[in-house]
Amino acid sequence: MEDQGARWNLLADFWAELMLHIALSDNVAGHVEHLAQGGEFVTHVWALLMHAGILERPAAGGD
């Protein structure tokens, strides 16, 4: 059972990192256009990150 929990944690970490990586985009006009049409999940994540002051990805190898 512990192995199964570790697998779920790995998947959760992977998808969270992927969504954050995708959402941090320099395409502000594209995100604004999507928000004007109701938005999509990644665009809403982008908006939350922008409001939190997270504007770019950390440097490679950084935590």
C-alpha atoms as a PDB file:
ATOM      1  CA  MET A   1       0.000   0.000   0.000  1.00  0.00           C
ATOM      2  CA  GLU A   2       2.833   2.451   0.718  1.00  0.00           C
ATOM      3  CA  ASP A   3       4.060   1.946  -2.828  1.00  0.00           C
ATOM      4  CA  GLN A   4       0.659   2.968  -4.196  1.00  0.00           C
ATOM      5  CA  GLY A   5       0.653   6.139  -2.086  1.00  0.00           C
ATOM      6  CA  ALA A   6       4.118   7.029  -3.352  1.00  0.00           C
ATOM      7  CA  ARG A   7       2.933   6.580  -6.934  1.00  0.00           C
ATOM      8  CA  TRP A   8      -0.015   8.932  -6.386  1.00  0.00           C
ATOM      9  CA  ASN A   9       2.292  11.505  -4.798  1.00  0.00           C
ATOM     10  CA  LEU A  10       4.650  11.251  -7.767  1.00  0.00           C
ATOM     11  CA  LEU A  11       1.762  11.771 -10.207  1.00  0.00           C
ATOM     12  CA  ALA A  12       0.406  14.708  -8.201  1.00  0.00           C
ATOM     13  CA  ASP A  13       3.831  16.362  -8.099  1.00  0.00           C
ATOM     14  CA  PHE A  14       4.340  15.777 -11.818  1.00  0.00           C
ATOM     15  CA  TRP A  15       0.990  17.301 -12.846  1.00  0.00           C
ATOM     16  CA  ALA A  16       1.369  20.255 -10.483  1.00  0.00           C
ATOM     17  CA  GLU A  17       4.830  21.028 -11.882  1.00  0.00           C
ATOM     18  CA  LEU A  18       3.595  20.601 -15.458  1.00  0.00           C
ATOM     19  CA  MET A  19       0.663  22.979 -14.967  1.00  0.00           C
ATOM     20  CA  LEU A  20       2.903  25.595 -13.368  1.00  0.00           C
ATOM     21  CA  HIS A  21       5.452  25.228 -16.166  1.00  0.00           C
ATOM     22  CA  ILE A  22       2.820  25.590 -18.882  1.00  0.00           C
ATOM     23  CA  ALA A  23       0.958  28.447 -17.215  1.00  0.00           C
ATOM     24  CA  LEU A  24       4.048  30.644 -16.862  1.00  0.00           C
ATOM     25  CA  SER A  25       3.946  31.933 -20.396  1.00  0.00           C
ATOM     26  CA  ASP A  26       5.068  35.237 -21.876  1.00  0.00           C
ATOM     27  CA  ASN A  27       2.013  35.221 -24.145  1.00  0.00           C
ATOM     28  CA  VAL A  28       0.041  37.769 -22.130  1.00  0.00           C
ATOM     29  CA  ALA A  29      -2.145  38.729 -25.104  1.00  0.00           C
ATOM     30  CA  GLY A  30      -3.150  35.096 -25.614  1.00  0.00           C
ATOM     31  CA  HIS A  31      -4.062  34.642 -21.962  1.00  0.00           C
ATOM     32  CA  VAL A  32      -6.050  37.899 -21.939  1.00  0.00           C
ATOM     33  CA  GLU A  33      -7.912  36.793 -25.069  1.00  0.00           C
ATOM     34  CA  HIS A  34      -8.805  33.461 -23.440  1.00  0.00           C
ATOM     35  CA  LEU A  35      -9.966  35.214 -20.257  1.00  0.00           C
ATOM     36  CA  ALA A  36     -12.238  37.480 -22.325  1.00  0.00           C
ATOM     37  CA  GLN A  37     -13.917  34.327 -23.648  1.00  0.00           C
ATOM     38  CA  GLY A  38     -14.334  32.760 -20.206  1.00  0.00           C
ATOM     39  CA  GLY A  39     -10.834  31.367 -19.903  1.00  0.00           C
ATOM     40  CA  GLU A  40      -9.379  27.915 -19.754  1.00  0.00           C
ATOM     41  CA  PHE A  41      -7.760  26.153 -16.807  1.00  0.00           C
ATOM     42  CA  VAL A  42      -4.169  27.067 -17.696  1.00  0.00           C
ATOM     43  CA  THR A  43      -5.162  30.710 -18.208  1.00  0.00           C
ATOM     44  CA  HIS A  44      -6.750  30.841 -14.759  1.00  0.00           C
ATOM     45  CA  VAL A  45      -3.610  29.320 -13.248  1.00  0.00           C
ATOM     46  CA  TRP A  46      -1.591  31.977 -15.122  1.00  0.00           C
ATOM     47  CA  ALA A  47      -3.799  34.739 -13.687  1.00  0.00           C
ATOM     48  CA  LEU A  48      -3.358  33.395 -10.148  1.00  0.00           C
ATOM     49  CA  LEU A  49       0.416  33.229 -10.600  1.00  0.00           C
ATOM     50  CA  MET A  50       0.520  36.779 -11.965  1.00  0.00           C
ATOM     51  CA  HIS A  51      -1.455  38.076  -8.970  1.00  0.00           C
ATOM     52  CA  ALA A  52       0.922  36.219  -6.653  1.00  0.00           C
ATOM     53  CA  GLY A  53       3.884  37.930  -8.321  1.00  0.00           C
ATOM     54  CA  ILE A  54       5.259  34.748  -9.887  1.00  0.00           C
ATOM     55  CA  LEU A  55       6.179  36.020 -13.325  1.00  0.00           C
ATOM     56  CA  GLU A  56       8.856  33.628 -14.523  1.00  0.00           C
ATOM     57  CA  ARG A  57      10.188  30.123 -14.081  1.00  0.00           C
ATOM     58  CA  PRO A  58      13.047  29.622 -11.636  1.00  0.00           C
ATOM     59  CA  ALA A  59      16.515  29.125 -13.129  1.00  0.00           C
ATOM     60  CA  ALA A  60      17.363  25.536 -14.071  1.00  0.00           C
ATOM     61  CA  GLY A  61      18.650  23.556 -11.113  1.00  0.00           C
ATOM     62  CA  GLY A  62      17.158  25.974  -8.572  1.00  0.00           C
ATOM     63  CA  ASP A  63      14.612  25.053  -5.922  1.00  0.00           C
END
